[in-house]
Structures are given as structure tokens and as C-alpha cells.
Amino acid sequence: MFRMSQMLIASTFALGLGASGAVAAGTDASAKTVWVNPVVKDYGRMNPVPNGALQPDPDKTWKVVFDVNNGSSDSDGVNSALWHVARAVNVYAEAGVDHEHRKFAVVLHGGATKDALSAEAYKAKFGQDDPDTKLIKELAAAGVHFYVCGQALADNGFTPDQVSSHVDVALSALAAVPVLESEGYQLFEM
């Protein structure tokens, strides 16, 4: 039993040395992270990793459909999934993928249906400003196409005339995602 305890202590000590050896070998624990927003200026900050593996080819067209059905908010009050769509735009842009080679679409449904509303309709319904209005406007300006599920609108008591000018009403998320996939979009569930 004593021998096993010594081995456990020695293993723990060796692991500790390995970790500190990594710091000594070039990892600077005090180095500051650099955040940039190359396209979507107010959302989706990202940390450049210029030599990171699996960089998107800037000469290829990247078609991604983000399936957003969650209305969860981050600390700034915006939909956390939409914030991550902004990060995706910024990540691809930082990797050199220009506007013409980024074909991103967002399908809103479920808890995210309310994010499709115009600023006026949102305020009328919820009695406050929509925290996602500015984010959606910036994403649309960056070339992201938005669709909202027509069935989810009806389920939530909304009408197409209440939808933001940045969002198209689709028949259903059940159809929109497969149609986009049939057009070569890769599904990214949020």
C-alpha cells in the first residue's frame, strides 16, 4: 500500500512538472488575448489563430445554414446563438474568406422566433426594445440571410407583417433547412 501511495505521489509530481515545463517551454500565462471584429463590429469577437489547423480556403465558397431555435440570451442580452453566427462571420473573414465566398443563412424558429420581429413589433409585444435588432442588422449587412419559420410565427401569434425587413418568412423550418441543404449548405445546429 505504501509503495502504491509513493507511485501516485510521484505520478502527480511528474504531471505537475510537465505542466510547468509547458509554461517554461514557451507558453506565456501572462500573454494577453487579442480580440478582433473584422466584419461584424459590435458582436462575435474572435481571437486570431493564424497558424491554426483546418483554416477555411479563401478561394472556396462556404455555404452554412445555422439552425437557431433557442432564444437564450448572453450577458449583453442578445441571442447567444446569433452572437455566435457573428463570430462565424468574423472567423471566416479573418481567415481571408471574403463576402462573396461566405454564404451564410440563419433559420429562426422555436424560442428564437421572436428574434425575427421588427423593432416596432417587438416593442409592442414585449414592452421593451429588442436587444437583437442591431445584431441582426449588422449580420444582414455582412451578407447573412435570415429566414423565420412561418409555422413558428403562427404558433407564437405573430403575423408576417410583424417580421423585420431583414428576415424572409419561410414555409417552415422543417422545409427551409432541407431546401438549403439540397442547395449545398452545411447544417450547423445552434
Protein backbone atom coordinates (compact mmCIF):
# COMPACT_ATOMS: atom_id res chain seq x y z
CA MET A 1 0.00 0.00 0.00
CA PHE A 2 2.84 2.38 0.90
CA ARG A 3 4.53 1.63 -2.45
CA MET A 4 1.30 2.46 -4.37
CA SER A 5 0.99 5.79 -2.49
CA GLN A 6 4.59 6.66 -3.41
CA MET A 7 3.85 5.87 -7.06
CA LEU A 8 0.73 8.05 -7.02
CA ILE A 9 2.64 10.96 -5.47
CA ALA A 10 5.48 10.55 -7.97
CA SER A 11 2.99 10.48 -10.88
CA THR A 12 1.22 13.59 -9.61
CA PHE A 13 4.57 15.35 -9.20
CA ALA A 14 5.64 14.38 -12.73
CA LEU A 15 2.37 15.69 -14.16
CA GLY A 16 2.91 18.94 -12.29
CA LEU A 17 6.41 19.25 -13.71
CA GLY A 18 5.08 18.55 -17.16
CA ALA A 19 2.57 21.36 -16.85
CA SER A 20 5.13 23.81 -15.53
CA GLY A 21 7.55 22.61 -18.19
CA ALA A 22 4.99 23.59 -20.83
CA VAL A 23 4.87 27.10 -19.39
CA ALA A 24 8.67 27.23 -19.32
CA ALA A 25 8.83 25.91 -22.88
CA GLY A 26 7.07 28.92 -24.35
CA THR A 27 3.52 29.27 -23.13
CA ASP A 28 3.30 32.68 -21.53
CA ALA A 29 0.49 32.57 -18.99
CA SER A 30 0.55 36.36 -18.80
CA ALA A 31 0.10 36.88 -22.58
CA LYS A 32 -2.99 38.90 -23.39
CA THR A 33 -5.64 37.52 -25.68
CA VAL A 34 -6.31 39.75 -28.68
CA TRP A 35 -9.94 40.09 -29.75
CA VAL A 36 -10.92 41.39 -33.17
CA ASN A 37 -14.16 42.04 -35.05
CA PRO A 38 -13.16 42.27 -38.73
CA VAL A 39 -16.70 42.40 -40.19
CA VAL A 40 -19.41 42.39 -37.54
CA LYS A 41 -18.00 45.22 -35.47
CA ASP A 42 -20.12 45.03 -32.32
CA TYR A 43 -20.64 41.28 -31.90
CA GLY A 44 -18.90 37.94 -32.31
CA ARG A 45 -15.40 38.90 -31.33
CA MET A 46 -12.76 36.33 -32.17
CA ASN A 47 -9.15 35.60 -31.35
CA PRO A 48 -6.96 35.20 -34.47
CA VAL A 49 -5.14 31.87 -34.74
CA PRO A 50 -3.15 32.42 -37.96
CA ASN A 51 -1.42 29.03 -37.86
CA GLY A 52 -4.42 27.08 -36.59
CA ALA A 53 -5.36 23.81 -38.22
CA LEU A 54 -8.34 23.48 -40.57
CA GLN A 55 -8.37 27.03 -41.95
CA PRO A 56 -11.16 27.64 -44.50
CA ASP A 57 -9.86 28.04 -48.05
CA PRO A 58 -10.48 31.68 -49.04
CA ASP A 59 -10.99 30.65 -52.70
CA LYS A 60 -13.82 28.23 -51.88
CA THR A 61 -17.43 29.30 -51.37
CA TRP A 62 -18.60 28.37 -47.86
CA LYS A 63 -22.32 27.73 -47.53
CA VAL A 64 -23.56 27.27 -43.98
CA VAL A 65 -27.10 27.23 -42.61
CA PHE A 66 -27.38 27.96 -38.89
CA ASP A 67 -30.44 26.31 -37.35
CA VAL A 68 -31.36 28.67 -34.49
CA ASN A 69 -34.24 27.51 -32.31
CA ASN A 70 -33.11 28.83 -28.94
CA GLY A 71 -33.88 32.25 -27.56
CA SER A 72 -31.20 32.12 -24.84
CA SER A 73 -29.52 35.43 -24.18
CA ASP A 74 -25.92 36.12 -23.34
CA SER A 75 -24.70 38.65 -20.79
CA ASP A 76 -25.36 41.52 -23.25
CA GLY A 77 -28.97 40.41 -23.68
CA VAL A 78 -28.58 39.31 -27.30
CA ASN A 79 -29.42 35.85 -28.54
CA SER A 80 -26.27 33.81 -27.83
CA ALA A 81 -26.69 31.72 -30.99
CA LEU A 82 -26.88 34.86 -33.15
CA TRP A 83 -23.80 36.21 -31.36
CA HIS A 84 -22.01 33.02 -32.43
CA VAL A 85 -23.19 33.48 -36.02
CA ALA A 86 -21.45 36.88 -35.83
CA ARG A 87 -18.35 35.09 -34.57
CA ALA A 88 -18.54 32.70 -37.55
CA VAL A 89 -18.66 35.66 -39.95
CA ASN A 90 -15.67 37.21 -38.19
CA VAL A 91 -13.72 33.92 -38.08
CA TYR A 92 -14.17 33.26 -41.80
CA ALA A 93 -13.35 36.89 -42.65
CA GLU A 94 -10.19 36.81 -40.52
CA ALA A 95 -9.18 33.64 -42.40
CA GLY A 96 -9.44 35.58 -45.67
CA VAL A 97 -12.87 34.41 -46.84
CA ASP A 98 -14.44 37.49 -48.43
CA HIS A 99 -18.10 38.48 -48.61
CA GLU A 100 -18.64 36.74 -51.97
CA HIS A 101 -17.31 33.43 -50.64
CA ARG A 102 -19.40 33.46 -47.42
CA LYS A 103 -22.94 32.23 -47.99
CA PHE A 104 -24.44 32.09 -44.51
CA ALA A 105 -28.13 31.63 -43.74
CA VAL A 106 -29.97 31.59 -40.42
CA VAL A 107 -33.28 29.78 -39.91
CA LEU A 108 -35.12 31.08 -36.84
CA HIS A 109 -37.82 29.01 -35.15
CA GLY A 110 -38.86 27.78 -31.71
CA GLY A 111 -37.65 30.09 -28.95
CA ALA A 112 -35.80 32.25 -31.49
CA THR A 113 -38.93 33.14 -33.46
CA LYS A 114 -39.32 36.44 -31.59
CA ASP A 115 -35.90 37.50 -32.90
CA ALA A 116 -37.43 37.79 -36.39
CA LEU A 117 -39.78 40.60 -35.34
CA SER A 118 -39.28 44.19 -36.40
CA ALA A 119 -38.15 46.58 -33.66
CA GLU A 120 -41.63 48.09 -33.56
CA ALA A 121 -43.46 44.76 -33.36
CA TYR A 122 -41.10 43.51 -30.66
CA LYS A 123 -41.60 46.62 -28.54
CA ALA A 124 -45.38 46.46 -28.97
CA LYS A 125 -45.42 42.78 -27.93
CA PHE A 126 -42.87 42.79 -25.10
CA GLY A 127 -42.88 46.43 -23.94
CA GLN A 128 -39.14 46.91 -24.41
CA ASP A 129 -36.56 47.37 -27.14
CA ASP A 130 -35.38 44.21 -28.90
CA PRO A 131 -31.74 43.59 -27.93
CA ASP A 132 -31.20 41.65 -31.19
CA THR A 133 -32.26 44.36 -33.65
CA LYS A 134 -28.79 45.86 -34.03
CA LEU A 135 -27.10 42.43 -34.20
CA ILE A 136 -29.44 41.20 -36.95
CA LYS A 137 -28.94 44.45 -38.88
CA GLU A 138 -25.13 44.05 -38.69
CA LEU A 139 -25.32 40.38 -39.72
CA ALA A 140 -27.60 41.22 -42.67
CA ALA A 141 -25.16 43.96 -43.73
CA ALA A 142 -22.41 41.29 -43.63
CA GLY A 143 -24.42 39.17 -46.08
CA VAL A 144 -26.15 36.76 -43.69
CA HIS A 145 -29.63 35.80 -44.95
CA PHE A 146 -32.36 35.32 -42.36
CA TYR A 147 -35.44 33.15 -42.57
CA VAL A 148 -38.13 32.62 -39.96
CA CYS A 149 -40.39 29.59 -39.81
CA GLY A 150 -43.89 30.57 -40.92
CA GLN A 151 -45.34 27.84 -38.72
CA ALA A 152 -43.48 29.14 -35.65
CA LEU A 153 -44.77 32.64 -36.37
CA ALA A 154 -48.33 31.30 -36.30
CA ASP A 155 -47.64 29.17 -33.22
CA ASN A 156 -46.47 32.30 -31.38
CA GLY A 157 -49.34 34.50 -32.54
CA PHE A 158 -47.17 36.64 -34.86
CA THR A 159 -48.01 37.62 -38.43
CA PRO A 160 -45.71 38.06 -41.43
CA ASP A 161 -46.27 41.84 -41.40
CA GLN A 162 -44.60 41.95 -37.95
CA VAL A 163 -41.35 40.48 -39.29
CA SER A 164 -38.21 42.59 -39.74
CA SER A 165 -37.28 43.71 -43.24
CA HIS A 166 -34.04 41.75 -42.77
CA VAL A 167 -35.90 38.43 -42.42
CA ASP A 168 -37.82 36.38 -45.01
CA VAL A 169 -40.77 34.24 -43.95
CA ALA A 170 -40.23 30.59 -44.95
CA LEU A 171 -42.95 27.99 -45.24
CA SER A 172 -41.44 26.15 -42.29
CA ALA A 173 -38.08 25.45 -40.67
CA LEU A 174 -38.90 21.82 -41.46
CA ALA A 175 -38.67 22.72 -45.15
CA ALA A 176 -36.17 25.61 -45.07
CA VAL A 177 -33.25 23.65 -43.62
CA PRO A 178 -33.54 20.68 -46.02
CA VAL A 179 -34.05 23.02 -49.01
CA LEU A 180 -30.87 24.93 -48.10
CA GLU A 181 -29.01 21.64 -47.55
CA SER A 182 -30.15 20.50 -51.01
CA GLU A 183 -28.53 23.70 -52.35
CA GLY A 184 -25.19 22.70 -50.81
CA TYR A 185 -25.44 24.43 -47.43
CA GLN A 186 -23.85 22.60 -44.49
CA LEU A 187 -26.04 22.43 -41.39
CA PHE A 188 -24.72 23.95 -38.17
CA GLU A 189 -27.18 23.44 -35.32
CA MET A 190 -27.09 26.09 -32.65
